[in-house]
């Protein structure tokens, strides 16, 4: 464990960020999974922008890579088209 107070604080902050990132990542994965199960085109089209926004936020925060976000959005959009 860290001995300096600044390093201890950094460890606390990292743990807090990690928990937050896990929450947002899991929530987005669940939303993607739920979106994939929708069979009606109209409902799918309504939910797609919400999920795409969630994916963009994950990429912006650095939870996932921007290319992975692009791939996810592309796959979801293909199903709509």
N, C-alpha and C. Protein backbone atom coordinates (compact mmCIF):
# COMPACT_ATOMS: atom_id res chain seq x y z
N UNK A 1 0.84 -1.19 0.00
CA UNK A 1 0.00 0.00 0.00
C UNK A 1 0.88 1.25 0.00
N UNK A 2 0.33 2.33 -0.46
CA UNK A 2 1.07 3.58 -0.58
C UNK A 2 1.36 4.18 0.79
N UNK A 3 2.47 4.90 0.86
CA UNK A 3 2.86 5.54 2.11
C UNK A 3 2.64 7.04 2.12
N UNK A 4 2.73 7.68 0.96
CA UNK A 4 2.54 9.12 0.90
C UNK A 4 1.05 9.46 0.81
N UNK A 5 0.70 10.58 1.42
CA UNK A 5 -0.72 10.95 1.46
C UNK A 5 -1.28 11.19 0.06
N UNK A 6 -0.48 11.79 -0.83
CA UNK A 6 -0.96 12.05 -2.19
C UNK A 6 -1.20 10.74 -2.94
N UNK A 7 -0.35 9.76 -2.70
CA UNK A 7 -0.51 8.46 -3.36
C UNK A 7 -1.73 7.73 -2.82
N UNK A 8 -1.98 7.87 -1.52
CA UNK A 8 -3.18 7.26 -0.93
C UNK A 8 -4.43 7.88 -1.53
N UNK A 9 -4.41 9.20 -1.68
CA UNK A 9 -5.55 9.89 -2.27
C UNK A 9 -5.76 9.43 -3.71
N UNK A 10 -4.67 9.30 -4.45
CA UNK A 10 -4.75 8.85 -5.84
C UNK A 10 -5.36 7.45 -5.92
N UNK A 11 -5.00 6.59 -4.97
CA UNK A 11 -5.55 5.24 -4.94
C UNK A 11 -7.06 5.27 -4.67
N UNK A 12 -7.47 6.16 -3.76
CA UNK A 12 -8.90 6.30 -3.47
C UNK A 12 -9.66 6.79 -4.69
N UNK A 13 -9.09 7.79 -5.37
CA UNK A 13 -9.75 8.34 -6.55
C UNK A 13 -9.84 7.30 -7.66
N UNK A 14 -8.78 6.53 -7.84
CA UNK A 14 -8.77 5.50 -8.88
C UNK A 14 -9.84 4.45 -8.60
N UNK A 15 -9.99 4.08 -7.33
CA UNK A 15 -11.00 3.09 -6.96
C UNK A 15 -12.40 3.63 -7.25
N UNK A 16 -12.61 4.90 -6.95
CA UNK A 16 -13.91 5.52 -7.18
C UNK A 16 -14.22 5.57 -8.68
N UNK A 17 -13.21 5.96 -9.49
CA UNK A 17 -13.40 6.00 -10.93
C UNK A 17 -13.64 4.61 -11.51
N UNK A 18 -12.92 3.62 -10.98
CA UNK A 18 -13.08 2.26 -11.47
C UNK A 18 -14.51 1.75 -11.22
N UNK A 19 -15.04 2.02 -10.04
CA UNK A 19 -16.42 1.61 -9.73
C UNK A 19 -17.42 2.30 -10.65
N UNK A 20 -17.20 3.60 -10.87
CA UNK A 20 -18.08 4.35 -11.74
C UNK A 20 -18.02 3.82 -13.16
N UNK A 21 -16.82 3.57 -13.66
CA UNK A 21 -16.66 3.04 -15.01
C UNK A 21 -17.29 1.67 -15.16
N UNK A 22 -17.16 0.83 -14.13
CA UNK A 22 -17.79 -0.49 -14.17
C UNK A 22 -19.30 -0.37 -14.28
N UNK A 23 -19.87 0.56 -13.51
CA UNK A 23 -21.31 0.76 -13.52
C UNK A 23 -21.79 1.20 -14.90
N UNK A 24 -21.16 2.22 -15.45
CA UNK A 24 -21.58 2.73 -16.76
C UNK A 24 -21.35 1.70 -17.86
N UNK A 25 -20.26 0.96 -17.77
CA UNK A 25 -19.97 -0.07 -18.77
C UNK A 25 -21.01 -1.17 -18.74
N UNK A 26 -21.34 -1.63 -17.55
CA UNK A 26 -22.32 -2.72 -17.41
C UNK A 26 -23.70 -2.25 -17.85
N UNK A 27 -24.07 -1.03 -17.48
CA UNK A 27 -25.37 -0.49 -17.86
C UNK A 27 -25.50 -0.41 -19.38
N UNK A 28 -24.43 0.02 -20.03
CA UNK A 28 -24.44 0.13 -21.48
C UNK A 28 -24.50 -1.24 -22.13
N UNK A 29 -23.74 -2.19 -21.61
CA UNK A 29 -23.78 -3.56 -22.16
C UNK A 29 -25.18 -4.15 -22.04
N UNK A 30 -25.84 -3.90 -20.91
CA UNK A 30 -27.21 -4.38 -20.74
C UNK A 30 -28.16 -3.72 -21.74
N UNK A 31 -27.97 -2.43 -21.97
CA UNK A 31 -28.82 -1.72 -22.91
C UNK A 31 -28.61 -2.26 -24.33
N UNK A 32 -27.37 -2.56 -24.68
CA UNK A 32 -27.08 -3.14 -26.00
C UNK A 32 -27.74 -4.50 -26.14
N UNK A 33 -27.62 -5.30 -25.11
CA UNK A 33 -28.23 -6.63 -25.13
C UNK A 33 -29.75 -6.54 -25.27
N UNK A 34 -30.37 -5.62 -24.53
CA UNK A 34 -31.81 -5.45 -24.62
C UNK A 34 -32.22 -4.95 -26.01
N UNK A 35 -31.41 -4.07 -26.57
CA UNK A 35 -31.71 -3.54 -27.91
C UNK A 35 -31.65 -4.65 -28.95
N UNK A 36 -30.70 -5.55 -28.82
CA UNK A 36 -30.56 -6.64 -29.79
C UNK A 36 -31.75 -7.59 -29.76
N UNK A 37 -32.44 -7.68 -28.62
CA UNK A 37 -33.57 -8.60 -28.51
C UNK A 37 -34.86 -8.01 -29.09
N UNK A 38 -34.87 -6.69 -29.35
CA UNK A 38 -36.08 -6.05 -29.88
C UNK A 38 -36.27 -6.48 -31.34
N UNK A 39 -37.47 -6.95 -31.64
CA UNK A 39 -37.74 -7.42 -33.00
C UNK A 39 -38.52 -6.40 -33.83
N UNK A 40 -39.28 -5.53 -33.18
CA UNK A 40 -40.07 -4.54 -33.91
C UNK A 40 -39.17 -3.40 -34.39
N UNK A 41 -39.27 -3.07 -35.66
CA UNK A 41 -38.39 -2.06 -36.26
C UNK A 41 -38.63 -0.67 -35.67
N UNK A 42 -39.89 -0.34 -35.40
CA UNK A 42 -40.21 0.99 -34.88
C UNK A 42 -39.61 1.18 -33.48
N UNK A 43 -39.79 0.21 -32.63
CA UNK A 43 -39.25 0.30 -31.27
C UNK A 43 -37.73 0.33 -31.30
N UNK A 44 -37.13 -0.47 -32.20
CA UNK A 44 -35.69 -0.51 -32.34
C UNK A 44 -35.16 0.87 -32.73
N UNK A 45 -35.85 1.49 -33.67
CA UNK A 45 -35.44 2.83 -34.12
C UNK A 45 -35.54 3.89 -33.05
N UNK A 46 -36.48 3.72 -32.13
CA UNK A 46 -36.64 4.68 -31.05
C UNK A 46 -35.56 4.52 -29.99
N UNK A 47 -35.18 3.29 -29.72
CA UNK A 47 -34.19 3.01 -28.67
C UNK A 47 -32.75 3.19 -29.15
N UNK A 48 -32.52 3.05 -30.44
CA UNK A 48 -31.15 3.10 -30.97
C UNK A 48 -30.40 4.38 -30.61
N UNK A 49 -30.99 5.58 -30.77
CA UNK A 49 -30.23 6.79 -30.42
C UNK A 49 -29.81 6.85 -28.96
N UNK A 50 -30.64 6.33 -28.07
CA UNK A 50 -30.30 6.32 -26.64
C UNK A 50 -29.07 5.46 -26.39
N UNK A 51 -29.04 4.28 -27.00
CA UNK A 51 -27.92 3.36 -26.80
C UNK A 51 -26.65 3.91 -27.45
N UNK A 52 -26.80 4.50 -28.62
CA UNK A 52 -25.64 5.10 -29.30
C UNK A 52 -25.06 6.22 -28.44
N UNK A 53 -25.91 6.99 -27.81
CA UNK A 53 -25.46 8.06 -26.93
C UNK A 53 -24.68 7.49 -25.75
N UNK A 54 -25.16 6.40 -25.19
CA UNK A 54 -24.46 5.76 -24.08
C UNK A 54 -23.08 5.27 -24.51
N UNK A 55 -23.02 4.69 -25.70
CA UNK A 55 -21.74 4.20 -26.22
C UNK A 55 -20.77 5.36 -26.42
N UNK A 56 -21.27 6.47 -26.97
CA UNK A 56 -20.42 7.64 -27.18
C UNK A 56 -19.87 8.18 -25.86
N UNK A 57 -20.70 8.18 -24.83
CA UNK A 57 -20.25 8.67 -23.53
C UNK A 57 -19.16 7.77 -22.96
N UNK A 58 -19.28 6.46 -23.16
CA UNK A 58 -18.23 5.55 -22.68
C UNK A 58 -16.92 5.83 -23.39
N UNK A 59 -16.98 6.06 -24.68
CA UNK A 59 -15.76 6.35 -25.44
C UNK A 59 -15.16 7.69 -25.00
N UNK A 60 -16.02 8.66 -24.75
CA UNK A 60 -15.56 9.98 -24.33
C UNK A 60 -14.87 9.91 -22.96
N UNK A 61 -15.40 9.09 -22.08
CA UNK A 61 -14.82 8.94 -20.74
C UNK A 61 -13.56 8.08 -20.76
N UNK A 62 -13.36 7.35 -21.85
CA UNK A 62 -12.18 6.49 -21.93
C UNK A 62 -12.40 5.10 -21.38
N UNK A 63 -13.66 4.74 -21.14
CA UNK A 63 -13.96 3.40 -20.63
C UNK A 63 -13.74 2.38 -21.73
N UNK A 64 -14.14 2.72 -22.96
CA UNK A 64 -13.87 1.86 -24.11
C UNK A 64 -13.14 2.70 -25.17
N UNK A 65 -12.47 2.02 -26.07
CA UNK A 65 -11.72 2.70 -27.13
C UNK A 65 -12.70 3.26 -28.15
N UNK A 66 -12.31 4.36 -28.79
CA UNK A 66 -13.21 5.01 -29.74
C UNK A 66 -13.50 4.11 -30.94
N UNK A 67 -12.56 3.26 -31.33
CA UNK A 67 -12.81 2.35 -32.45
C UNK A 67 -13.80 1.26 -32.06
N UNK A 68 -13.73 0.80 -30.83
CA UNK A 68 -14.71 -0.18 -30.35
C UNK A 68 -16.10 0.43 -30.33
N UNK A 69 -16.18 1.68 -29.91
CA UNK A 69 -17.47 2.38 -29.91
C UNK A 69 -18.01 2.47 -31.32
N UNK A 70 -17.14 2.80 -32.28
CA UNK A 70 -17.57 2.90 -33.67
C UNK A 70 -18.05 1.56 -34.19
N UNK A 71 -17.35 0.49 -33.84
CA UNK A 71 -17.76 -0.84 -34.29
C UNK A 71 -19.11 -1.23 -33.70
N UNK A 72 -19.31 -0.95 -32.43
CA UNK A 72 -20.60 -1.27 -31.79
C UNK A 72 -21.73 -0.51 -32.46
N UNK A 73 -21.53 0.78 -32.68
CA UNK A 73 -22.57 1.60 -33.30
C UNK A 73 -22.86 1.12 -34.72
N UNK A 74 -21.82 0.74 -35.44
CA UNK A 74 -21.99 0.27 -36.81
C UNK A 74 -22.82 -1.01 -36.85
N UNK A 75 -22.51 -1.94 -35.97
CA UNK A 75 -23.25 -3.22 -35.93
C UNK A 75 -24.71 -3.00 -35.59
N UNK A 76 -24.96 -2.10 -34.64
CA UNK A 76 -26.34 -1.84 -34.24
C UNK A 76 -27.10 -1.12 -35.35
N UNK A 77 -26.44 -0.23 -36.06
CA UNK A 77 -27.09 0.50 -37.16
C UNK A 77 -27.38 -0.40 -38.34
N UNK A 78 -26.51 -1.37 -38.60
CA UNK A 78 -26.72 -2.30 -39.70
C UNK A 78 -28.03 -3.07 -39.52
N UNK A 79 -28.31 -3.45 -38.28
CA UNK A 79 -29.52 -4.22 -38.02
C UNK A 79 -30.75 -3.39 -38.34
N UNK A 80 -30.69 -2.08 -38.06
CA UNK A 80 -31.82 -1.21 -38.36
C UNK A 80 -32.03 -1.09 -39.86
N UNK A 81 -30.93 -0.96 -40.59
CA UNK A 81 -31.02 -0.82 -42.05
C UNK A 81 -31.37 -2.15 -42.66
